[in-house]
C-alpha cells in the first residue's frame, strides 16, 4: 500500500457473521466470569489479611514489604489479565480487526520485497524478544511451564489486536496512511507506557525486569520491534502477520520471565530487595516462592 494513500485496512461489513458473534459472546462471558472470580478472591484475601475466621493474620510489613505495597498473587493476576483480554477481543470485533486478523486475510502479492520485509519482521522479533530481552530478565525462582506459552499466546493476540483497534478508529478520519500510523503510534505508545507502569507490571506480570537493563530493552528490543513491524503493517496492511509477530514476541517474554501458573503460590519479593543491577542478577535465584532462602544483599 502507498503510505500517502488513505486506503482503509479494516471494514465492519462482516462483524455480524455467526462465528464472529460467538467469539464476542465468549469474550463477554469470560469478562463477567473473571469479574466474579476476582470479587470472590478479593473477599477471601481480605479475610486472610484481617485474620478472619480460622485465618491467621498476615503481617506483610514484618516480611519486608512497605506499607501499601502490592502483594502479587498469580491467581488474581490471571483473572485481571482475563478481563483485559476479553475487552481487547470485544474491541477487536467492533472495529473489524478480528475479521481482518482471522477471517478476511489481506495477502499482498508475494514479491521479493514482501518476503524480505516479512522475514525481517520475524527476525527482529526473535532476536529482540528471544535473545536480547532475556539478558535483562530474571524469574525469581519461578519454573517454566506450558502455561507460559498459553499466556503469551493469548496476551500476544489480545495486545496486537488492541494496537490495530486504535489504527482502525484513527483511519476513519481519512488521513494518509503515514499520518494514521503516526497518530496510532503516539496514542498506543502513551497508553502502553502508562498501562505497563501503573497496572500491568504491578497487578499482572510478576517481577522480572532488571532496572539497570530497562533502557537497553527499550533501545534494542521495543523500538526496533515497533519500527520494523509497524512499518510492515503500514506498507502491506496485513493484520494476520502483524499479530503473529507480536504474539511470537510475547510468547518469548512470558516464557523467559517464567510467568507463574494461576495455581502458583508465588509472590514477588519486596521492592526494596529486588534485583536492580545486572551484575547482581544471580541473586534472584535465591527467592523461593514467597521468601528469600538467605538474607539478600541490597
C-alpha atoms as a PDB file:
ATOM      1  CA  UNK A   1       0.000   0.000   0.000  1.00  0.00           C
ATOM      2  CA  UNK A   2       1.077   3.574  -0.691  1.00  0.00           C
ATOM      3  CA  UNK A   3       1.881   5.378   2.567  1.00  0.00           C
ATOM      4  CA  UNK A   4       0.401   8.570   1.076  1.00  0.00           C
ATOM      5  CA  UNK A   5      -2.939   6.928   0.287  1.00  0.00           C
ATOM      6  CA  UNK A   6      -5.933   6.843   2.610  1.00  0.00           C
ATOM      7  CA  UNK A   7      -6.683   3.171   1.877  1.00  0.00           C
ATOM      8  CA  UNK A   8      -8.517   1.511   4.747  1.00  0.00           C
ATOM      9  CA  UNK A   9      -7.219  -1.669   6.349  1.00  0.00           C
ATOM     10  CA  UNK A  10     -10.404  -2.634   8.166  1.00  0.00           C
ATOM     11  CA  UNK A  11     -14.091  -2.987   7.403  1.00  0.00           C
ATOM     12  CA  UNK A  12     -17.066  -3.805   9.602  1.00  0.00           C
ATOM     13  CA  UNK A  13     -19.116  -5.457   6.850  1.00  0.00           C
ATOM     14  CA  UNK A  14     -18.811  -8.997   8.262  1.00  0.00           C
ATOM     15  CA  UNK A  15     -18.710  -8.495  12.020  1.00  0.00           C
ATOM     16  CA  UNK A  16     -22.192  -9.985  12.448  1.00  0.00           C
ATOM     17  CA  UNK A  17     -21.189 -13.335  10.987  1.00  0.00           C
ATOM     18  CA  UNK A  18     -22.180 -16.145  13.403  1.00  0.00           C
ATOM     19  CA  UNK A  19     -18.595 -17.191  14.142  1.00  0.00           C
ATOM     20  CA  UNK A  20     -17.522 -13.662  14.994  1.00  0.00           C
ATOM     21  CA  UNK A  21     -20.604 -13.147  17.149  1.00  0.00           C
ATOM     22  CA  UNK A  22     -19.779 -16.353  19.016  1.00  0.00           C
ATOM     23  CA  UNK A  23     -16.284 -15.010  19.714  1.00  0.00           C
ATOM     24  CA  UNK A  24     -17.812 -11.775  21.003  1.00  0.00           C
ATOM     25  CA  UNK A  25     -20.192 -13.753  23.211  1.00  0.00           C
ATOM     26  CA  UNK A  26     -17.294 -15.781  24.601  1.00  0.00           C
ATOM     27  CA  UNK A  27     -15.350 -12.588  25.346  1.00  0.00           C
ATOM     28  CA  UNK A  28     -18.307 -11.107  27.230  1.00  0.00           C
ATOM     29  CA  UNK A  29     -18.814 -14.360  29.156  1.00  0.00           C
ATOM     30  CA  UNK A  30     -15.160 -14.618  30.212  1.00  0.00           C
ATOM     31  CA  UNK A  31     -15.113 -10.929  31.123  1.00  0.00           C
ATOM     32  CA  UNK A  32     -18.044 -11.365  33.513  1.00  0.00           C
ATOM     33  CA  UNK A  33     -16.652 -14.642  34.861  1.00  0.00           C
ATOM     34  CA  UNK A  34     -13.299 -13.042  35.633  1.00  0.00           C
ATOM     35  CA  UNK A  35     -15.015 -10.153  37.405  1.00  0.00           C
ATOM     36  CA  UNK A  36     -17.000 -12.538  39.612  1.00  0.00           C
ATOM     37  CA  UNK A  37     -13.957 -14.652  40.436  1.00  0.00           C
ATOM     38  CA  UNK A  38     -11.909 -11.523  41.155  1.00  0.00           C
ATOM     39  CA  UNK A  39     -14.554 -10.336  43.627  1.00  0.00           C
ATOM     40  CA  UNK A  40     -14.507 -13.722  45.365  1.00  0.00           C
ATOM     41  CA  UNK A  41     -10.704 -13.700  45.508  1.00  0.00           C
ATOM     42  CA  UNK A  42     -10.649 -10.194  47.000  1.00  0.00           C
ATOM     43  CA  UNK A  43     -13.071 -11.234  49.755  1.00  0.00           C
ATOM     44  CA  UNK A  44     -11.007 -14.323  50.559  1.00  0.00           C
ATOM     45  CA  UNK A  45      -7.798 -12.327  50.633  1.00  0.00           C
ATOM     46  CA  UNK A  46      -9.298  -9.583  52.795  1.00  0.00           C
ATOM     47  CA  UNK A  47     -10.414 -12.217  55.277  1.00  0.00           C
ATOM     48  CA  UNK A  48      -6.890 -13.651  55.434  1.00  0.00           C
ATOM     49  CA  UNK A  49      -5.261 -10.236  55.876  1.00  0.00           C
ATOM     50  CA  UNK A  50      -7.633  -9.312  58.706  1.00  0.00           C
ATOM     51  CA  UNK A  51      -7.340 -12.645  60.448  1.00  0.00           C
ATOM     52  CA  UNK A  52     -10.879 -13.734  59.720  1.00  0.00           C
ATOM     53  CA  UNK A  53     -12.487 -16.952  60.955  1.00  0.00           C
ATOM     54  CA  UNK A  54      -9.859 -19.716  61.178  1.00  0.00           C
ATOM     55  CA  UNK A  55      -7.406 -17.455  59.300  1.00  0.00           C
ATOM     56  CA  UNK A  56      -4.081 -16.349  60.809  1.00  0.00           C
ATOM     57  CA  UNK A  57      -3.479 -12.606  60.441  1.00  0.00           C
ATOM     58  CA  UNK A  58      -0.911 -11.847  57.744  1.00  0.00           C
ATOM     59  CA  UNK A  59       1.676  -9.149  58.514  1.00  0.00           C
ATOM     60  CA  UNK A  60       3.425  -8.240  55.293  1.00  0.00           C
ATOM     61  CA  UNK A  61       5.358  -5.405  56.926  1.00  0.00           C
ATOM     62  CA  UNK A  62       7.253  -7.944  59.000  1.00  0.00           C
ATOM     63  CA  UNK A  63       8.001  -9.843  55.801  1.00  0.00           C
ATOM     64  CA  UNK A  64       9.831  -6.818  54.393  1.00  0.00           C
ATOM     65  CA  UNK A  65       7.083  -5.204  52.314  1.00  0.00           C
ATOM     66  CA  UNK A  66       6.487  -1.470  52.570  1.00  0.00           C
ATOM     67  CA  UNK A  67       3.101  -0.284  53.786  1.00  0.00           C
ATOM     68  CA  UNK A  68       0.738  -0.106  50.811  1.00  0.00           C
ATOM     69  CA  UNK A  69       2.986  -2.198  48.565  1.00  0.00           C
ATOM     70  CA  UNK A  70       1.002  -4.561  46.329  1.00  0.00           C
ATOM     71  CA  UNK A  71       1.431  -8.229  47.230  1.00  0.00           C
ATOM     72  CA  UNK A  72       1.483 -10.188  43.982  1.00  0.00           C
ATOM     73  CA  UNK A  73      -0.925 -13.102  43.585  1.00  0.00           C
ATOM     74  CA  UNK A  74      -0.784 -15.348  40.498  1.00  0.00           C
ATOM     75  CA  UNK A  75      -4.444 -16.352  40.564  1.00  0.00           C
ATOM     76  CA  UNK A  76      -5.776 -12.792  40.610  1.00  0.00           C
ATOM     77  CA  UNK A  77      -3.129 -11.825  38.052  1.00  0.00           C
ATOM     78  CA  UNK A  78      -4.600 -14.324  35.565  1.00  0.00           C
ATOM     79  CA  UNK A  79      -8.102 -13.036  36.309  1.00  0.00           C
ATOM     80  CA  UNK A  80      -7.024  -9.419  35.804  1.00  0.00           C
ATOM     81  CA  UNK A  81      -5.389 -10.399  32.537  1.00  0.00           C
ATOM     82  CA  UNK A  82      -8.534 -12.297  31.542  1.00  0.00           C
ATOM     83  CA  UNK A  83     -10.704  -9.176  31.865  1.00  0.00           C
ATOM     84  CA  UNK A  84      -8.199  -7.229  29.756  1.00  0.00           C
ATOM     85  CA  UNK A  85      -8.013  -9.926  27.079  1.00  0.00           C
ATOM     86  CA  UNK A  86     -11.808 -10.071  26.893  1.00  0.00           C
ATOM     87  CA  UNK A  87     -12.035  -6.303  26.380  1.00  0.00           C
ATOM     88  CA  UNK A  88      -9.384  -6.482  23.661  1.00  0.00           C
ATOM     89  CA  UNK A  89     -11.294  -9.168  21.742  1.00  0.00           C
ATOM     90  CA  UNK A  90     -14.579  -7.251  22.116  1.00  0.00           C
ATOM     91  CA  UNK A  91     -12.992  -4.068  20.749  1.00  0.00           C
ATOM     92  CA  UNK A  92     -11.369  -6.100  18.002  1.00  0.00           C
ATOM     93  CA  UNK A  93     -14.767  -7.426  16.957  1.00  0.00           C
ATOM     94  CA  UNK A  94     -16.372  -3.961  16.975  1.00  0.00           C
ATOM     95  CA  UNK A  95     -13.631  -2.339  14.898  1.00  0.00           C
ATOM     96  CA  UNK A  96     -13.317  -5.079  12.272  1.00  0.00           C
ATOM     97  CA  UNK A  97      -9.831  -6.057  13.437  1.00  0.00           C
ATOM     98  CA  UNK A  98     -10.998  -9.545  14.455  1.00  0.00           C
ATOM     99  CA  UNK A  99     -12.384 -10.093  10.958  1.00  0.00           C
ATOM    100  CA  UNK A 100      -9.209  -8.897   9.230  1.00  0.00           C
ATOM    101  CA  UNK A 101      -6.924 -10.901  11.509  1.00  0.00           C
ATOM    102  CA  UNK A 102      -8.656 -14.296  11.490  1.00  0.00           C
ATOM    103  CA  UNK A 103     -11.120 -14.380   8.624  1.00  0.00           C
ATOM    104  CA  UNK A 104     -10.608 -11.874   5.780  1.00  0.00           C
ATOM    105  CA  UNK A 105      -6.837 -12.079   5.348  1.00  0.00           C
ATOM    106  CA  UNK A 106      -5.314  -9.331   3.223  1.00  0.00           C
ATOM    107  CA  UNK A 107      -2.477 -11.095   1.403  1.00  0.00           C
ATOM    108  CA  UNK A 108      -0.449  -8.828  -0.908  1.00  0.00           C
ATOM    109  CA  UNK A 109       1.461 -10.074  -3.929  1.00  0.00           C
ATOM    110  CA  UNK A 110       4.315 -12.242  -2.695  1.00  0.00           C
ATOM    111  CA  UNK A 111       7.156 -10.420  -4.416  1.00  0.00           C
ATOM    112  CA  UNK A 112      10.755 -10.286  -3.210  1.00  0.00           C
ATOM    113  CA  UNK A 113      10.173  -7.115  -1.177  1.00  0.00           C
ATOM    114  CA  UNK A 114       7.194  -8.606   0.655  1.00  0.00           C
ATOM    115  CA  UNK A 115       9.092 -11.796   1.502  1.00  0.00           C
ATOM    116  CA  UNK A 116      12.188  -9.882   2.646  1.00  0.00           C
ATOM    117  CA  UNK A 117      10.157  -7.482   4.811  1.00  0.00           C
ATOM    118  CA  UNK A 118       8.222 -10.392   6.342  1.00  0.00           C
ATOM    119  CA  UNK A 119      11.418 -12.269   7.176  1.00  0.00           C
ATOM    120  CA  UNK A 120      12.986  -9.089   8.601  1.00  0.00           C
ATOM    121  CA  UNK A 121       9.964  -8.571  10.855  1.00  0.00           C
ATOM    122  CA  UNK A 122      10.148 -12.061  12.326  1.00  0.00           C
ATOM    123  CA  UNK A 123      13.937 -11.892  12.721  1.00  0.00           C
ATOM    124  CA  UNK A 124      13.604  -8.576  14.557  1.00  0.00           C
ATOM    125  CA  UNK A 125      11.150 -10.152  16.986  1.00  0.00           C
ATOM    126  CA  UNK A 126      13.154 -13.345  17.518  1.00  0.00           C
ATOM    127  CA  UNK A 127      16.445 -11.527  18.110  1.00  0.00           C
ATOM    128  CA  UNK A 128      14.791  -8.915  20.297  1.00  0.00           C
ATOM    129  CA  UNK A 129      12.478 -10.964  22.491  1.00  0.00           C
ATOM    130  CA  UNK A 130      14.137 -14.372  22.391  1.00  0.00           C
ATOM    131  CA  UNK A 131      17.812 -13.335  22.541  1.00  0.00           C
ATOM    132  CA  UNK A 132      18.297  -9.785  23.874  1.00  0.00           C
ATOM    133  CA  UNK A 133      15.259  -9.373  26.162  1.00  0.00           C
ATOM    134  CA  UNK A 134      16.072 -12.429  28.346  1.00  0.00           C
ATOM    135  CA  UNK A 135      19.519 -10.985  29.175  1.00  0.00           C
ATOM    136  CA  UNK A 136      17.928  -8.268  31.295  1.00  0.00           C
ATOM    137  CA  UNK A 137      15.257 -10.525  32.778  1.00  0.00           C
ATOM    138  CA  UNK A 138      15.110 -12.579  35.981  1.00  0.00           C
ATOM    139  CA  UNK A 139      12.466 -15.042  37.134  1.00  0.00           C
ATOM    140  CA  UNK A 140      12.983 -15.144  40.927  1.00  0.00           C
ATOM    141  CA  UNK A 141      12.940 -18.925  41.042  1.00  0.00           C
ATOM    142  CA  UNK A 142       9.752 -19.368  39.016  1.00  0.00           C
ATOM    143  CA  UNK A 143       9.652 -22.523  36.894  1.00  0.00           C
ATOM    144  CA  UNK A 144       8.826 -22.572  33.188  1.00  0.00           C
ATOM    145  CA  UNK A 145       5.733 -24.489  32.076  1.00  0.00           C
ATOM    146  CA  UNK A 146       3.436 -24.672  29.064  1.00  0.00           C
ATOM    147  CA  UNK A 147       1.128 -22.233  30.827  1.00  0.00           C
ATOM    148  CA  UNK A 148       3.780 -19.600  29.995  1.00  0.00           C
ATOM    149  CA  UNK A 149       3.255 -20.269  26.288  1.00  0.00           C
ATOM    150  CA  UNK A 150      -0.535 -20.239  26.701  1.00  0.00           C
ATOM    151  CA  UNK A 151      -0.468 -16.887  28.478  1.00  0.00           C
ATOM    152  CA  UNK A 152       1.904 -15.406  25.909  1.00  0.00           C
ATOM    153  CA  UNK A 153      -0.262 -16.672  23.046  1.00  0.00           C
ATOM    154  CA  UNK A 154      -3.449 -15.073  24.379  1.00  0.00           C
ATOM    155  CA  UNK A 155      -1.661 -11.919  25.507  1.00  0.00           C
ATOM    156  CA  UNK A 156       0.011 -11.532  22.116  1.00  0.00           C
ATOM    157  CA  UNK A 157      -3.229 -11.906  20.189  1.00  0.00           C
ATOM    158  CA  UNK A 158      -5.059  -9.530  22.534  1.00  0.00           C
ATOM    159  CA  UNK A 159      -2.474  -6.745  22.681  1.00  0.00           C
ATOM    160  CA  UNK A 160      -1.651  -6.798  18.980  1.00  0.00           C
ATOM    161  CA  UNK A 161      -5.342  -6.564  18.092  1.00  0.00           C
ATOM    162  CA  UNK A 162      -5.794  -3.683  20.540  1.00  0.00           C
ATOM    163  CA  UNK A 163      -2.988  -1.821  18.772  1.00  0.00           C
ATOM    164  CA  UNK A 164      -4.770  -2.343  15.463  1.00  0.00           C
ATOM    165  CA  UNK A 165      -8.083  -1.254  17.019  1.00  0.00           C
ATOM    166  CA  UNK A 166      -6.521   2.160  17.577  1.00  0.00           C
ATOM    167  CA  UNK A 167      -5.450   2.214  13.925  1.00  0.00           C
ATOM    168  CA  UNK A 168      -8.952   1.162  12.853  1.00  0.00           C
ATOM    169  CA  UNK A 169     -10.516   4.116  14.670  1.00  0.00           C
ATOM    170  CA  UNK A 170      -7.915   6.661  13.544  1.00  0.00           C
ATOM    171  CA  UNK A 171      -8.144   5.648   9.873  1.00  0.00           C
ATOM    172  CA  UNK A 172     -11.824   6.687   9.893  1.00  0.00           C
ATOM    173  CA  UNK A 173     -10.545  10.292   9.956  1.00  0.00           C
ATOM    174  CA  UNK A 174      -9.396   9.847   6.355  1.00  0.00           C
ATOM    175  CA  UNK A 175      -5.741  10.773   6.828  1.00  0.00           C
ATOM    176  CA  UNK A 176      -2.943   9.292   4.656  1.00  0.00           C
ATOM    177  CA  UNK A 177      -1.553   6.028   5.999  1.00  0.00           C
ATOM    178  CA  UNK A 178       1.646   7.641   7.236  1.00  0.00           C
ATOM    179  CA  UNK A 179      -0.390  10.143   9.280  1.00  0.00           C
ATOM    180  CA  UNK A 180      -2.688   7.413  10.600  1.00  0.00           C
ATOM    181  CA  UNK A 181       0.415   5.451  11.587  1.00  0.00           C
ATOM    182  CA  UNK A 182       1.942   8.420  13.418  1.00  0.00           C
ATOM    183  CA  UNK A 183      -1.223   9.150  15.404  1.00  0.00           C
ATOM    184  CA  UNK A 184      -1.689   5.472  16.218  1.00  0.00           C
ATOM    185  CA  UNK A 185       1.920   5.210  17.358  1.00  0.00           C
ATOM    186  CA  UNK A 186       1.589   8.220  19.665  1.00  0.00           C
ATOM    187  CA  UNK A 187      -1.736   7.100  21.165  1.00  0.00           C
ATOM    188  CA  UNK A 188      -0.692   3.489  21.598  1.00  0.00           C
ATOM    189  CA  UNK A 189       2.760   4.437  22.907  1.00  0.00           C
ATOM    190  CA  UNK A 190       1.303   6.723  25.553  1.00  0.00           C
ATOM    191  CA  UNK A 191      -1.270   4.146  26.594  1.00  0.00           C
ATOM    192  CA  UNK A 192       1.227   1.279  26.669  1.00  0.00           C
ATOM    193  CA  UNK A 193       3.810   3.129  28.744  1.00  0.00           C
ATOM    194  CA  UNK A 194       1.278   4.151  31.394  1.00  0.00           C
ATOM    195  CA  UNK A 195      -0.606   0.843  31.315  1.00  0.00           C
ATOM    196  CA  UNK A 196       2.537  -1.224  31.859  1.00  0.00           C
ATOM    197  CA  UNK A 197       3.987   1.027  34.537  1.00  0.00           C
ATOM    198  CA  UNK A 198       0.850   1.706  36.546  1.00  0.00           C
ATOM    199  CA  UNK A 199      -1.115  -1.526  36.126  1.00  0.00           C
ATOM    200  CA  UNK A 200       0.253  -4.458  34.109  1.00  0.00           C
ATOM    201  CA  UNK A 201       3.693  -4.710  35.730  1.00  0.00           C
ATOM    202  CA  UNK A 202       2.117  -4.393  39.177  1.00  0.00           C
ATOM    203  CA  UNK A 203      -1.050  -6.490  39.110  1.00  0.00           C
ATOM    204  CA  UNK A 204      -0.464  -8.933  36.250  1.00  0.00           C
ATOM    205  CA  UNK A 205       3.163  -9.543  35.291  1.00  0.00           C
ATOM    206  CA  UNK A 206       5.421 -10.874  38.055  1.00  0.00           C
ATOM    207  CA  UNK A 207       8.653  -9.056  38.871  1.00  0.00           C
ATOM    208  CA  UNK A 208      11.097  -9.727  36.043  1.00  0.00           C
ATOM    209  CA  UNK A 209      12.957  -6.591  34.969  1.00  0.00           C
ATOM    210  CA  UNK A 210      16.493  -5.695  35.982  1.00  0.00           C
ATOM    211  CA  UNK A 211      16.089  -1.938  36.370  1.00  0.00           C
ATOM    212  CA  UNK A 212      19.589  -1.190  35.110  1.00  0.00           C
ATOM    213  CA  UNK A 213      18.787  -3.029  31.868  1.00  0.00           C
ATOM    214  CA  UNK A 214      15.420  -1.396  31.100  1.00  0.00           C
ATOM    215  CA  UNK A 215      16.969   1.277  28.865  1.00  0.00           C
ATOM    216  CA  UNK A 216      18.654  -1.401  26.742  1.00  0.00           C
ATOM    217  CA  UNK A 217      15.372  -3.286  26.366  1.00  0.00           C
ATOM    218  CA  UNK A 218      13.761  -0.110  25.073  1.00  0.00           C
ATOM    219  CA  UNK A 219      16.639   0.742  22.747  1.00  0.00           C
ATOM    220  CA  UNK A 220      17.442  -2.699  21.332  1.00  0.00           C
ATOM    221  CA  UNK A 221      14.128  -4.572  21.659  1.00  0.00           C
ATOM    222  CA  UNK A 222      10.992  -2.431  21.814  1.00  0.00           C
ATOM    223  CA  UNK A 223      11.998   0.373  19.437  1.00  0.00           C
ATOM    224  CA  UNK A 224      13.248  -1.946  16.637  1.00  0.00           C
ATOM    225  CA  UNK A 225      10.126  -4.080  17.029  1.00  0.00           C
ATOM    226  CA  UNK A 226       7.757  -1.122  16.665  1.00  0.00           C
ATOM    227  CA  UNK A 227       9.780   0.474  13.858  1.00  0.00           C
ATOM    228  CA  UNK A 228      10.043  -2.667  11.712  1.00  0.00           C
ATOM    229  CA  UNK A 229       6.753  -4.476  12.330  1.00  0.00           C
ATOM    230  CA  UNK A 230       4.535  -1.397  12.366  1.00  0.00           C
ATOM    231  CA  UNK A 231       6.175  -0.136   9.173  1.00  0.00           C
ATOM    232  CA  UNK A 232       5.409  -3.571   7.750  1.00  0.00           C
ATOM    233  CA  UNK A 233       1.734  -3.197   8.618  1.00  0.00           C
ATOM    234  CA  UNK A 234       1.536   0.330   7.178  1.00  0.00           C
ATOM    235  CA  UNK A 235       3.095  -0.956   3.953  1.00  0.00           C
ATOM    236  CA  UNK A 236       1.095  -4.146   3.472  1.00  0.00           C
ATOM    237  CA  UNK A 237      -1.914  -3.830   5.768  1.00  0.00           C
ATOM    238  CA  UNK A 238      -1.703  -7.477   6.784  1.00  0.00           C
ATOM    239  CA  UNK A 239      -3.205  -7.785  10.262  1.00  0.00           C
ATOM    240  CA  UNK A 240      -2.632 -11.542  10.428  1.00  0.00           C
ATOM    241  CA  UNK A 241       1.136 -11.391  10.033  1.00  0.00           C
ATOM    242  CA  UNK A 242       1.434  -8.325  12.257  1.00  0.00           C
ATOM    243  CA  UNK A 243      -0.434 -10.107  15.070  1.00  0.00           C
ATOM    244  CA  UNK A 244       1.702 -13.208  14.507  1.00  0.00           C
ATOM    245  CA  UNK A 245       4.915 -11.231  15.047  1.00  0.00           C
ATOM    246  CA  UNK A 246       3.657  -9.642  18.271  1.00  0.00           C
ATOM    247  CA  UNK A 247       2.306 -12.939  19.557  1.00  0.00           C
ATOM    248  CA  UNK A 248       5.703 -14.537  18.959  1.00  0.00           C
ATOM    249  CA  UNK A 249       7.270 -11.658  20.894  1.00  0.00           C
ATOM    250  CA  UNK A 250       5.009 -12.106  23.896  1.00  0.00           C
ATOM    251  CA  UNK A 251       5.358 -15.892  23.949  1.00  0.00           C
ATOM    252  CA  UNK A 252       9.080 -15.245  24.229  1.00  0.00           C
ATOM    253  CA  UNK A 253       8.795 -12.684  27.016  1.00  0.00           C
ATOM    254  CA  UNK A 254       6.295 -14.661  29.108  1.00  0.00           C
ATOM    255  CA  UNK A 255       8.403 -17.793  28.691  1.00  0.00           C
ATOM    256  CA  UNK A 256      11.680 -16.163  29.712  1.00  0.00           C
ATOM    257  CA  UNK A 257      10.126 -14.386  32.685  1.00  0.00           C
ATOM    258  CA  UNK A 258       8.538 -17.773  33.602  1.00  0.00           C
ATOM    259  CA  UNK A 259       5.035 -16.424  34.114  1.00  0.00           C
ATOM    260  CA  UNK A 260       3.511 -18.298  37.083  1.00  0.00           C
ATOM    261  CA  UNK A 261       0.530 -20.602  36.671  1.00  0.00           C
ATOM    262  CA  UNK A 262      -2.786 -19.478  38.211  1.00  0.00           C
ATOM    263  CA  UNK A 263      -2.409 -22.149  40.899  1.00  0.00           C
ATOM    264  CA  UNK A 264       1.078 -20.995  41.901  1.00  0.00           C
ATOM    265  CA  UNK A 265       1.646 -19.684  45.435  1.00  0.00           C
ATOM    266  CA  UNK A 266       4.442 -17.458  44.169  1.00  0.00           C
ATOM    267  CA  UNK A 267       4.559 -13.833  45.233  1.00  0.00           C
ATOM    268  CA  UNK A 268       7.081 -11.130  44.336  1.00  0.00           C
ATOM    269  CA  UNK A 269       9.950 -10.293  46.670  1.00  0.00           C
ATOM    270  CA  UNK A 270       9.639  -6.877  48.366  1.00  0.00           C
ATOM    271  CA  UNK A 271      10.525  -4.000  46.053  1.00  0.00           C
ATOM    272  CA  UNK A 272      13.367  -2.974  48.343  1.00  0.00           C
ATOM    273  CA  UNK A 273      15.140  -6.306  47.796  1.00  0.00           C
ATOM    274  CA  UNK A 274      14.525  -6.852  44.072  1.00  0.00           C
ATOM    275  CA  UNK A 275      17.465  -7.009  41.675  1.00  0.00           C
ATOM    276  CA  UNK A 276      18.384  -3.622  40.216  1.00  0.00           C
ATOM    277  CA  UNK A 277      21.889  -4.173  38.839  1.00  0.00           C
ATOM    278  CA  UNK A 278      22.775  -6.530  36.004  1.00  0.00           C
ATOM    279  CA  UNK A 279      25.879  -7.736  37.837  1.00  0.00           C
ATOM    280  CA  UNK A 280      23.658  -8.846  40.724  1.00  0.00           C
ATOM    281  CA  UNK A 281      21.189 -10.888  38.636  1.00  0.00           C
ATOM    282  CA  UNK A 282      22.281 -14.279  40.011  1.00  0.00           C
ATOM    283  CA  UNK A 283      20.870 -13.263  43.414  1.00  0.00           C
ATOM    284  CA  UNK A 284      17.322 -13.566  42.009  1.00  0.00           C
ATOM    285  CA  UNK A 285      17.633 -17.346  42.193  1.00  0.00           C
ATOM    286  CA  UNK A 286      17.661 -17.047  45.988  1.00  0.00           C
ATOM    287  CA  UNK A 287      13.961 -16.140  46.107  1.00  0.00           C
ATOM    288  CA  UNK A 288      11.928 -19.255  46.905  1.00  0.00           C
ATOM    289  CA  UNK A 289       8.205 -18.858  46.221  1.00  0.00           C
ATOM    290  CA  UNK A 290       7.491 -16.273  48.925  1.00  0.00           C
ATOM    291  CA  UNK A 291      10.742 -15.726  50.839  1.00  0.00           C
ATOM    292  CA  UNK A 292      14.478 -15.338  50.410  1.00  0.00           C
ATOM    293  CA  UNK A 293      16.436 -18.508  51.084  1.00  0.00           C
ATOM    294  CA  UNK A 294      19.002 -16.271  52.699  1.00  0.00           C
ATOM    295  CA  UNK A 295      19.123 -12.594  53.599  1.00  0.00           C
ATOM    296  CA  UNK A 296      19.503 -10.720  50.288  1.00  0.00           C
ATOM    297  CA  UNK A 297      22.146  -8.076  49.700  1.00  0.00           C
ATOM    298  CA  UNK A 298      20.507  -4.719  48.998  1.00  0.00           C
END
